[in-house]
Amino acid sequence: MPTFKKRIALLCGGNSPEREVSLKGGQAVKRALLSRGYQVEVFDPPADLPKLALRAGEFDLAFLVLHGPGGEDGTIQGFLDSVGLPYQGAGVLGSALAMDKALSKLLYRESGLEVPLATVLQKGEIPQRVPGFPLVVKPVSQGSSVGISLVQNERDLLLALKKAFCFEERVLLEEYIAGRELTVAVLGEEALPVVEIIPGEGHLFFDYEAKYTPGLTKEICPASLPEELARKAQEAALLAHKALRLRHYSRTDFILSPDGRLLVLETNTIPGMTETSLLPLAARVAGFSFEDLVEKLVNLATAGL
């Protein structure tokens, strides 16, 4: 019998601060899907959602390359559930939990994972206490280091808060831990090789510019770590993945402190898919081409349907 390739609605763009990154990743995924013989049509939320709702029955799968609010927070996942269209990645609950950095910290702790000290500030509140300087100020529910600042003193704190509050009503004040930045992706039920991130000159941490400017940051995979420590990071990524009720794939970021502590920063439920993204790098080291990775996600999303 002939094998029919699935019809895929590719969702990318959106109206979050990460729109351009989403569009760029979406184009890469589209090329990969077409190369494997899938039928692909691109939809750009929110303008195209009414059209997709009417035509949902024409597709076998929605492939999400959306980041930030409206893409990773459970909103689009709820829409797709309501029109009966399966998709790759976390469902509504897992997406919402992982997107909220304050809630995810609680779940990490309950699972035995260590996290940096932090406090949440509502817009309009004056910080009564902070974890100490230096500290990291970031919106609670943004991705890709959007709105993040490294603050060295009280004078700069108000500027950092003003910047973060431009994106949402809640901000996280988190202790800054100088150390090695690591990230571990989960694909299916397995952790991929550990990646070490070394930001370029002038970047003390993996901020937005460092993430998306080719050549500005060095990514080493597999990271140069003792085997036992690499395994510990992979186990922690799997634990974070399960703690947040995720599925199919994710990518968890860590700081390895100078005294050997492994601290969880956050988990991404729709990792980037551009040429500078970390998930494709780790997958490549594990033996998956970019096209293999995309098709693996399609298969995970449609398994059992």
Protein backbone atom coordinates (compact mmCIF):
# COMPACT_ATOMS: atom_id res chain seq x y z
CA MET A 1 0.00 0.00 0.00
CA PRO A 2 1.28 3.53 -0.72
CA THR A 3 2.44 5.64 2.21
CA PHE A 4 0.86 9.09 2.42
CA LYS A 5 2.85 11.88 4.00
CA LYS A 6 1.10 13.94 6.64
CA ARG A 7 -0.34 17.37 5.95
CA ILE A 8 1.19 19.87 8.34
CA ALA A 9 0.08 23.33 9.44
CA LEU A 10 3.30 25.12 10.38
CA LEU A 11 2.71 27.86 12.97
CA CYS A 12 5.36 30.55 13.30
CA GLY A 13 5.60 34.29 13.78
CA GLY A 14 3.05 35.46 16.34
CA ASN A 15 3.25 38.80 18.12
CA SER A 16 5.70 38.14 20.96
CA PRO A 17 9.10 39.90 21.15
CA GLU A 18 10.55 36.73 19.64
CA ARG A 19 8.59 37.00 16.38
CA GLU A 20 11.63 37.34 14.10
CA VAL A 21 13.38 34.36 15.66
CA SER A 22 10.18 32.35 15.26
CA LEU A 23 9.86 33.25 11.58
CA LYS A 24 13.48 32.34 10.96
CA GLY A 25 13.11 28.98 12.69
CA GLY A 26 9.83 28.38 10.88
CA GLN A 27 11.50 28.74 7.50
CA ALA A 28 14.18 26.21 8.48
CA VAL A 29 11.53 23.73 9.67
CA LYS A 30 9.49 24.25 6.50
CA ARG A 31 12.50 23.41 4.33
CA ALA A 32 13.16 20.28 6.38
CA LEU A 33 9.54 19.10 6.17
CA LEU A 34 9.36 19.71 2.42
CA SER A 35 12.61 17.80 1.93
CA ARG A 36 10.99 14.80 3.60
CA GLY A 37 7.92 14.98 1.38
CA TYR A 38 5.40 16.54 3.78
CA GLN A 39 2.73 18.95 2.60
CA VAL A 40 3.21 22.21 4.51
CA GLU A 41 1.18 25.38 4.86
CA VAL A 42 2.36 28.27 7.04
CA PHE A 43 0.04 30.05 9.48
CA ASP A 44 1.03 33.20 11.36
CA PRO A 45 -0.93 33.70 14.61
CA PRO A 46 -2.96 35.61 15.56
CA ALA A 47 -4.04 36.80 12.10
CA ASP A 48 -4.37 33.30 10.63
CA LEU A 49 -6.02 31.45 13.52
CA PRO A 50 -9.63 31.95 12.34
CA LYS A 51 -8.62 30.47 8.98
CA LEU A 52 -6.90 27.54 10.66
CA ALA A 53 -9.93 26.89 12.87
CA LEU A 54 -12.12 26.56 9.78
CA ARG A 55 -9.62 24.35 7.97
CA ALA A 56 -8.26 22.26 10.86
CA GLY A 57 -9.72 19.09 9.39
CA GLU A 58 -7.49 19.44 6.35
CA PHE A 59 -4.33 18.83 8.41
CA ASP A 60 -2.90 15.90 10.32
CA LEU A 61 -0.64 17.95 12.58
CA ALA A 62 0.27 21.45 13.69
CA PHE A 63 4.02 22.02 14.00
CA LEU A 64 4.77 24.84 16.42
CA VAL A 65 7.75 27.14 16.01
CA LEU A 66 6.38 29.83 18.32
CA HIS A 67 8.21 31.38 21.27
CA GLY A 68 7.23 33.48 24.25
CA PRO A 69 3.71 34.60 25.23
CA GLY A 70 1.04 33.26 22.92
CA GLY A 71 3.31 30.46 21.74
CA GLU A 72 4.80 28.69 24.74
CA ASP A 73 2.37 29.63 27.51
CA GLY A 74 -0.45 27.22 26.70
CA THR A 75 -2.57 29.68 24.72
CA ILE A 76 -2.01 28.22 21.25
CA GLN A 77 -1.98 24.71 22.72
CA GLY A 78 -5.49 25.25 24.09
CA PHE A 79 -6.65 26.53 20.71
CA LEU A 80 -5.26 23.47 18.92
CA ASP A 81 -6.84 21.14 21.48
CA SER A 82 -10.20 22.83 20.88
CA VAL A 83 -10.05 22.29 17.11
CA GLY A 84 -8.77 18.73 17.47
CA LEU A 85 -5.38 19.25 15.86
CA PRO A 86 -2.41 17.42 17.45
CA TYR A 87 0.91 19.23 17.89
CA GLN A 88 4.43 18.57 19.07
CA GLY A 89 5.63 19.59 22.51
CA ALA A 90 4.03 20.34 25.84
CA GLY A 91 0.29 20.56 26.34
CA VAL A 92 -1.60 23.42 27.99
CA LEU A 93 -0.58 22.60 31.56
CA GLY A 94 3.08 21.91 30.88
CA SER A 95 3.42 24.98 28.68
CA ALA A 96 1.90 27.25 31.33
CA LEU A 97 3.99 25.81 34.14
CA ALA A 98 7.29 26.06 32.27
CA MET A 99 6.56 29.59 31.03
CA ASP A 100 6.01 30.89 34.56
CA LYS A 101 9.51 31.02 36.01
CA ALA A 102 8.20 31.49 39.56
CA LEU A 103 5.93 28.42 39.44
CA SER A 104 8.51 26.27 37.69
CA LYS A 105 11.03 27.04 40.44
CA LEU A 106 8.62 25.59 43.02
CA LEU A 107 8.20 22.40 40.99
CA TYR A 108 11.96 22.07 40.46
CA ARG A 109 12.50 22.30 44.22
CA GLU A 110 9.81 19.72 44.93
CA SER A 111 11.62 17.35 42.56
CA GLY A 112 14.89 17.78 44.44
CA LEU A 113 16.54 20.15 41.99
CA GLU A 114 18.49 23.17 43.18
CA VAL A 115 17.59 26.66 41.93
CA PRO A 116 19.01 30.15 42.55
CA LEU A 117 17.37 32.22 45.28
CA ALA A 118 14.71 34.55 43.89
CA THR A 119 11.80 36.79 44.75
CA VAL A 120 8.85 37.96 42.63
CA LEU A 121 7.92 41.63 42.35
CA GLN A 122 4.58 42.94 41.10
CA LYS A 123 4.45 46.08 38.97
CA GLY A 124 4.21 49.11 41.25
CA GLU A 125 5.82 47.39 44.22
CA ILE A 126 9.04 48.67 45.75
CA PRO A 127 11.58 45.91 46.40
CA GLN A 128 11.89 45.45 50.17
CA ARG A 129 14.59 42.84 49.97
CA VAL A 130 16.70 41.41 47.19
CA PRO A 131 18.81 38.25 47.04
CA GLY A 132 21.95 40.43 47.06
CA PHE A 133 24.09 42.00 44.35
CA PRO A 134 24.84 41.19 41.67
CA LEU A 135 21.41 39.89 40.69
CA VAL A 136 19.47 39.06 37.56
CA VAL A 137 16.21 40.89 36.83
CA LYS A 138 13.89 39.28 34.30
CA PRO A 139 10.21 39.09 33.37
CA VAL A 140 8.50 36.04 34.85
CA SER A 141 6.99 34.79 31.59
CA GLN A 142 9.22 35.73 28.67
CA GLY A 143 11.68 33.59 26.75
CA SER A 144 15.02 34.05 24.96
CA SER A 145 16.33 36.36 27.70
CA VAL A 146 13.89 39.09 26.62
CA GLY A 147 13.89 41.98 29.12
CA ILE A 148 16.71 40.51 31.23
CA SER A 149 19.38 42.58 33.00
CA LEU A 150 22.37 41.87 35.20
CA VAL A 151 22.32 44.40 38.03
CA GLN A 152 25.41 45.25 40.06
CA ASN A 153 23.98 47.81 42.51
CA GLU A 154 20.81 49.52 43.75
CA ARG A 155 21.25 52.48 41.40
CA ASP A 156 20.87 50.22 38.36
CA LEU A 157 18.05 48.17 39.86
CA LEU A 158 15.29 50.67 39.09
CA LEU A 159 16.36 50.90 35.45
CA ALA A 160 16.39 47.12 35.16
CA LEU A 161 12.93 46.89 36.74
CA LYS A 162 11.58 49.52 34.36
CA LYS A 163 12.93 47.54 31.42
CA ALA A 164 11.49 44.22 32.62
CA PHE A 165 8.10 45.71 33.48
CA CYS A 166 7.78 46.87 29.86
CA PHE A 167 7.07 43.23 29.02
CA GLU A 168 4.72 42.14 31.83
CA GLU A 169 3.33 42.78 35.30
CA ARG A 170 5.59 40.41 37.27
CA VAL A 171 9.36 40.40 37.49
CA LEU A 172 11.79 37.91 39.01
CA LEU A 173 14.77 39.12 41.05
CA GLU A 174 17.22 36.23 41.08
CA GLU A 175 20.65 35.83 42.61
CA TYR A 176 23.39 35.88 40.02
CA ILE A 177 25.69 32.89 40.16
CA ALA A 178 28.91 33.15 38.19
CA GLY A 179 29.65 29.79 36.65
CA ARG A 180 29.54 27.69 33.53
CA GLU A 181 26.32 27.86 31.52
CA LEU A 182 25.04 24.46 30.44
CA THR A 183 21.93 23.32 28.63
CA VAL A 184 20.49 19.85 28.13
CA ALA A 185 17.74 18.92 25.69
CA VAL A 186 15.35 16.04 26.11
CA LEU A 187 14.10 14.27 22.98
CA GLY A 188 11.47 11.61 23.49
CA GLU A 189 12.49 9.87 26.69
CA GLU A 190 16.23 10.51 26.41
CA ALA A 191 18.53 13.39 27.29
CA LEU A 192 20.80 14.60 24.49
CA PRO A 193 24.50 15.48 24.99
CA VAL A 194 25.24 18.45 27.27
CA VAL A 195 26.02 21.78 25.59
CA GLU A 196 28.23 24.40 27.24
CA ILE A 197 27.51 28.01 26.32
CA ILE A 198 30.37 30.52 26.42
CA PRO A 199 29.10 34.06 25.74
CA GLY A 200 31.39 36.31 23.76
CA GLU A 201 33.34 39.31 25.02
CA GLY A 202 31.17 41.90 26.75
CA HIS A 203 28.41 39.39 27.61
CA LEU A 204 28.44 38.10 31.18
CA PHE A 205 25.55 35.77 30.46
CA PHE A 206 23.61 34.29 27.53
CA ASP A 207 21.45 37.33 26.70
CA TYR A 208 19.27 37.89 23.61
CA GLU A 209 22.07 39.34 21.49
CA ALA A 210 24.45 36.54 22.45
CA LYS A 211 21.81 33.94 21.57
CA TYR A 212 20.95 35.14 18.10
CA THR A 213 24.08 36.77 16.71
CA PRO A 214 26.01 34.12 14.76
CA GLY A 215 29.58 33.78 15.99
CA LEU A 216 29.12 35.88 19.13
CA THR A 217 28.76 32.87 21.43
CA LYS A 218 30.70 29.63 21.48
CA GLU A 219 28.67 26.45 21.97
CA ILE A 220 30.60 23.31 22.86
CA CYS A 221 28.90 19.94 22.47
CA PRO A 222 29.51 17.63 24.11
CA ALA A 223 30.58 19.89 26.95
CA SER A 224 33.98 19.25 28.46
CA LEU A 225 32.75 17.72 31.72
CA PRO A 226 33.59 14.65 33.79
CA GLU A 227 31.33 11.79 32.72
CA GLU A 228 29.61 11.67 36.10
CA LEU A 229 28.79 15.38 36.02
CA ALA A 230 27.48 15.20 32.44
CA ARG A 231 25.24 12.31 33.44
CA LYS A 232 24.01 14.30 36.45
CA ALA A 233 23.06 17.21 34.18
CA GLN A 234 21.20 14.87 31.82
CA GLU A 235 19.33 13.29 34.73
CA ALA A 236 18.43 16.74 36.04
CA ALA A 237 17.07 17.74 32.62
CA LEU A 238 14.88 14.65 32.54
CA LEU A 239 13.71 15.38 36.07
CA ALA A 240 12.83 18.98 35.15
CA HIS A 241 11.02 17.73 32.04
CA LYS A 242 8.87 15.40 34.13
CA ALA A 243 8.34 17.88 36.97
CA LEU A 244 6.76 20.37 34.55
CA ARG A 245 4.54 17.69 32.92
CA LEU A 246 6.21 18.05 29.52
CA ARG A 247 6.23 15.72 26.54
CA HIS A 248 8.13 15.03 23.32
CA TYR A 249 11.00 17.48 23.90
CA SER A 250 12.35 20.35 25.96
CA ARG A 251 15.60 22.10 26.81
CA THR A 252 16.66 22.98 30.36
CA ASP A 253 19.29 25.61 31.17
CA PHE A 254 21.68 25.27 34.11
CA ILE A 255 24.47 27.09 35.89
CA LEU A 256 27.37 25.00 37.16
CA SER A 257 28.77 26.97 40.10
CA PRO A 258 32.49 27.08 40.90
CA ASP A 259 31.87 24.83 43.91
CA GLY A 260 30.21 22.17 41.72
CA ARG A 261 26.52 22.87 42.34
CA LEU A 262 24.19 22.36 39.39
CA LEU A 263 21.36 24.91 39.51
CA VAL A 264 18.34 24.96 37.22
CA LEU A 265 17.48 28.28 35.58
CA GLU A 266 14.54 27.48 33.31
CA THR A 267 13.07 25.01 30.82
CA ASN A 268 12.12 25.80 27.23
CA THR A 269 9.14 23.88 25.84
CA ILE A 270 9.60 24.96 22.20
CA PRO A 271 13.37 25.28 21.79
CA GLY A 272 14.71 27.44 18.98
CA MET A 273 15.17 25.97 15.51
CA THR A 274 17.49 28.50 13.85
CA GLU A 275 21.05 27.84 12.67
CA THR A 276 22.38 29.20 15.98
CA SER A 277 19.95 27.20 18.14
CA LEU A 278 21.11 24.73 20.75
CA LEU A 279 18.65 21.85 20.28
CA PRO A 280 19.70 21.16 16.66
CA LEU A 281 23.34 21.25 17.76
CA ALA A 282 22.82 18.67 20.52
CA ALA A 283 20.69 16.54 18.22
CA ARG A 284 23.40 16.61 15.54
CA VAL A 285 25.99 15.39 18.04
CA ALA A 286 23.56 12.61 19.01
CA GLY A 287 23.34 11.55 15.36
CA PHE A 288 20.23 13.40 14.15
CA SER A 289 20.40 15.67 11.13
CA PHE A 290 18.14 18.73 11.26
CA GLU A 291 15.70 16.90 8.99
CA ASP A 292 15.86 13.82 11.24
CA LEU A 293 15.11 15.99 14.27
CA VAL A 294 12.07 17.62 12.66
CA GLU A 295 10.70 14.27 11.48
CA LYS A 296 11.29 12.76 14.93
CA LEU A 297 9.13 15.51 16.43
CA VAL A 298 6.41 14.84 13.86
CA ASN A 299 6.46 11.15 14.77
CA LEU A 300 6.38 11.86 18.51
CA ALA A 301 3.37 14.15 18.06
CA THR A 302 1.39 11.65 16.00
CA ALA A 303 2.37 8.41 17.75
CA GLY A 304 -0.73 6.45 18.61
CA LEU A 305 -3.10 8.58 16.53
